[in-house]
């Protein structure tokens, strides 16, 4: 469980993202300036899909295919074409194919792109989940820290940094394990009742 902080939602540098993509093939395009290329994805049928031309391509070796090329390979490019993005980045409500960017955003491989933290945690064989936004008090660790801070406040004041560190460690150790388990149990009950 992690706080729902923007830094925890950041995607890996090579993650799929339709943001800032160019419409037509480009030799130098990467999602992040001087960053790595986007990792390959797959079509709806499960077959692999590369976003860059192969290095042995006769005219565009290693170039990014562009949104139009990707959509054509998916069989989603309409006969009349599409603009790169809607004016002011504001797509009409419930419109799924108004521009290249929106159409790519709606593809399952883009929709299912997880954050870098989520990918790392699940790769280790664990389940990654996030607390509701702006509700860090649901995190049982916050309750543990609150109990330790309460103990620290009743100690006499000191200006010696080594004594402060010693007192803080003693306060962290002073919270009984039974209290920490109770905080966690309260969290679990709340979490599963809300789900």
Protein backbone atom coordinates (compact mmCIF):
# COMPACT_ATOMS: atom_id res chain seq x y z
CA UNK A 1 0.00 0.00 0.00
CA UNK A 2 1.31 3.41 -0.99
CA UNK A 3 0.12 6.99 -0.63
CA UNK A 4 -1.57 8.29 -3.77
CA UNK A 5 1.19 10.81 -4.44
CA UNK A 6 1.98 12.08 -7.96
CA UNK A 7 5.52 10.68 -7.66
CA UNK A 8 4.05 7.18 -7.07
CA UNK A 9 1.95 7.46 -10.25
CA UNK A 10 4.90 8.30 -12.51
CA UNK A 11 5.43 5.87 -15.38
CA UNK A 12 8.76 4.40 -16.41
CA UNK A 13 10.73 6.36 -19.05
CA UNK A 14 10.03 3.63 -21.64
CA UNK A 15 6.31 3.29 -20.77
CA UNK A 16 3.53 3.56 -23.36
CA UNK A 17 2.06 7.03 -23.59
CA UNK A 18 0.28 8.84 -26.40
CA UNK A 19 1.24 12.23 -24.97
CA UNK A 20 3.59 14.34 -27.07
CA UNK A 21 3.73 11.70 -29.83
CA UNK A 22 4.29 12.93 -33.34
CA UNK A 23 1.79 12.05 -36.06
CA UNK A 24 4.25 11.01 -38.78
CA UNK A 25 7.56 9.07 -38.68
CA UNK A 26 10.44 10.87 -36.99
CA UNK A 27 14.09 9.91 -36.67
CA UNK A 28 14.82 11.43 -33.24
CA UNK A 29 11.50 11.21 -31.37
CA UNK A 30 11.45 9.67 -27.88
CA UNK A 31 8.79 10.23 -25.21
CA UNK A 32 11.33 11.94 -22.92
CA UNK A 33 14.04 14.10 -24.44
CA UNK A 34 17.17 11.98 -24.91
CA UNK A 35 15.32 9.19 -23.09
CA UNK A 36 14.88 5.53 -24.03
CA UNK A 37 12.52 4.33 -26.73
CA UNK A 38 9.05 3.13 -25.72
CA UNK A 39 8.92 -0.56 -24.99
CA UNK A 40 7.11 -2.79 -27.51
CA UNK A 41 3.44 -3.60 -27.00
CA UNK A 42 1.02 -6.07 -28.55
CA UNK A 43 -2.04 -6.04 -30.80
CA UNK A 44 -5.48 -7.08 -29.54
CA UNK A 45 -4.77 -10.62 -30.79
CA UNK A 46 -1.60 -10.80 -28.67
CA UNK A 47 0.92 -10.47 -31.52
CA UNK A 48 3.90 -8.19 -30.75
CA UNK A 49 3.86 -4.59 -31.91
CA UNK A 50 6.96 -2.40 -32.29
CA UNK A 51 6.61 1.39 -32.31
CA UNK A 52 9.90 1.88 -34.16
CA UNK A 53 10.96 0.65 -37.57
CA UNK A 54 13.61 -2.10 -37.52
CA UNK A 55 17.26 -1.07 -37.85
CA UNK A 56 17.45 -2.80 -41.25
CA UNK A 57 14.56 -0.71 -42.69
CA UNK A 58 15.64 0.66 -46.11
CA UNK A 59 14.60 4.30 -45.62
CA UNK A 60 13.81 4.86 -41.92
CA UNK A 61 16.06 2.61 -39.77
CA UNK A 62 15.08 2.86 -36.09
CA UNK A 63 12.66 5.76 -36.66
CA UNK A 64 9.53 6.17 -34.57
CA UNK A 65 6.53 5.11 -36.72
CA UNK A 66 4.29 8.00 -35.67
CA UNK A 67 0.69 7.86 -34.47
CA UNK A 68 -0.72 7.46 -37.96
CA UNK A 69 1.52 4.47 -38.68
CA UNK A 70 0.66 2.81 -35.37
CA UNK A 71 -3.09 3.30 -35.92
CA UNK A 72 -2.80 1.98 -39.49
CA UNK A 73 -1.07 -1.16 -38.21
CA UNK A 74 -3.91 -1.61 -35.70
CA UNK A 75 -6.42 -1.17 -38.54
CA UNK A 76 -7.91 1.89 -36.83
CA UNK A 77 -6.94 4.65 -39.27
CA UNK A 78 -10.14 6.10 -40.84
CA UNK A 79 -10.33 6.85 -44.56
CA UNK A 80 -10.82 10.57 -43.90
CA UNK A 81 -7.79 10.76 -41.57
CA UNK A 82 -7.58 12.32 -38.12
CA UNK A 83 -6.00 15.44 -36.62
CA UNK A 84 -3.05 14.95 -34.26
CA UNK A 85 -5.07 16.22 -31.28
CA UNK A 86 -8.20 18.23 -30.55
CA UNK A 87 -7.96 22.02 -30.23
CA UNK A 88 -6.58 22.96 -26.81
CA UNK A 89 -6.19 19.26 -25.90
CA UNK A 90 -9.95 19.22 -25.14
CA UNK A 91 -11.68 16.23 -26.71
CA UNK A 92 -15.47 16.19 -26.79
CA UNK A 93 -17.13 14.22 -24.01
CA UNK A 94 -17.66 10.53 -24.85
CA UNK A 95 -15.85 10.93 -28.19
CA UNK A 96 -13.35 8.11 -28.58
CA UNK A 97 -12.04 8.70 -32.09
CA UNK A 98 -11.89 12.47 -32.56
CA UNK A 99 -8.10 12.65 -32.88
CA UNK A 100 -5.01 10.42 -33.04
CA UNK A 101 -4.10 11.02 -29.42
CA UNK A 102 -7.56 10.11 -28.05
CA UNK A 103 -7.82 7.02 -30.24
CA UNK A 104 -4.44 5.75 -29.02
CA UNK A 105 -5.27 6.59 -25.38
CA UNK A 106 -8.35 4.37 -25.67
CA UNK A 107 -6.43 1.28 -26.84
CA UNK A 108 -6.12 -1.41 -24.17
CA UNK A 109 -2.31 -1.51 -24.24
CA UNK A 110 -2.21 2.22 -23.43
CA UNK A 111 -5.10 2.07 -20.91
CA UNK A 112 -3.44 -0.79 -19.02
CA UNK A 113 -0.09 1.00 -18.65
CA UNK A 114 0.82 0.97 -14.94
CA UNK A 115 3.11 3.23 -12.95
CA UNK A 116 6.78 2.38 -12.57
CA UNK A 117 6.23 1.62 -8.87
CA UNK A 118 3.29 -0.70 -9.64
CA UNK A 119 5.29 -2.54 -12.30
CA UNK A 120 8.23 -3.01 -9.91
CA UNK A 121 6.07 -4.30 -7.03
CA UNK A 122 4.08 -6.74 -9.20
CA UNK A 123 7.31 -7.99 -10.81
CA UNK A 124 8.41 -9.03 -7.29
CA UNK A 125 5.22 -11.14 -6.97
CA UNK A 126 3.30 -8.72 -4.74
CA UNK A 127 0.05 -6.80 -5.13
CA UNK A 128 0.44 -3.03 -5.38
CA UNK A 129 -2.40 -0.76 -4.30
CA UNK A 130 -2.76 2.90 -3.36
CA UNK A 131 -4.60 4.69 -0.57
CA UNK A 132 -7.39 7.05 -1.64
CA UNK A 133 -6.11 10.48 -2.64
CA UNK A 134 -5.70 12.98 0.24
CA UNK A 135 -6.37 10.31 2.89
CA UNK A 136 -2.92 9.48 4.26
CA UNK A 137 -4.51 9.06 7.72
CA UNK A 138 -5.77 5.67 6.49
CA UNK A 139 -2.16 4.53 6.31
CA UNK A 140 -1.52 2.57 9.53
CA UNK A 141 2.12 3.72 9.47
CA UNK A 142 0.89 7.30 9.95
CA UNK A 143 -0.91 6.15 13.11
CA UNK A 144 2.28 4.46 14.31
CA UNK A 145 4.30 7.64 13.68
CA UNK A 146 1.59 9.67 15.44
CA UNK A 147 1.90 7.46 18.54
CA UNK A 148 5.71 7.80 18.47
CA UNK A 149 5.47 11.60 18.07
CA UNK A 150 3.10 11.75 21.04
CA UNK A 151 5.70 9.94 23.18
CA UNK A 152 8.44 12.27 21.88
CA UNK A 153 6.45 15.40 22.86
CA UNK A 154 6.29 14.42 26.53
CA UNK A 155 10.09 14.09 26.77
CA UNK A 156 12.09 17.08 28.05
CA UNK A 157 13.35 19.47 25.35
CA UNK A 158 16.93 19.14 24.16
CA UNK A 159 19.12 20.94 21.62
CA UNK A 160 21.69 18.16 21.33
CA UNK A 161 21.17 16.42 17.95
CA UNK A 162 22.55 13.09 19.19
CA UNK A 163 20.21 13.11 22.17
CA UNK A 164 17.26 14.00 19.89
CA UNK A 165 18.09 11.06 17.64
CA UNK A 166 18.41 8.73 20.65
CA UNK A 167 15.06 9.96 22.04
CA UNK A 168 13.32 9.57 18.66
CA UNK A 169 14.56 5.99 18.25
CA UNK A 170 13.47 5.20 21.81
CA UNK A 171 10.00 6.65 21.07
CA UNK A 172 9.68 4.58 17.88
CA UNK A 173 10.60 1.47 19.88
CA UNK A 174 8.21 2.42 22.70
CA UNK A 175 5.06 1.87 20.59
CA UNK A 176 3.99 -1.68 21.48
CA UNK A 177 3.71 -4.22 18.69
CA UNK A 178 0.12 -4.88 19.78
CA UNK A 179 -0.75 -1.22 19.00
CA UNK A 180 0.92 -1.43 15.57
CA UNK A 181 -1.04 -4.61 14.80
CA UNK A 182 -4.25 -2.90 15.98
CA UNK A 183 -3.58 0.05 13.65
CA UNK A 184 -3.07 -2.41 10.80
CA UNK A 185 -6.22 -4.37 11.68
CA UNK A 186 -8.30 -1.17 11.72
CA UNK A 187 -6.88 -0.34 8.30
CA UNK A 188 -7.73 -3.80 6.93
CA UNK A 189 -11.30 -3.65 8.24
CA UNK A 190 -11.78 -0.19 6.71
CA UNK A 191 -10.15 -1.21 3.43
CA UNK A 192 -12.24 -4.34 2.90
CA UNK A 193 -15.49 -2.66 3.97
CA UNK A 194 -14.94 0.08 1.39
CA UNK A 195 -14.05 -2.37 -1.38
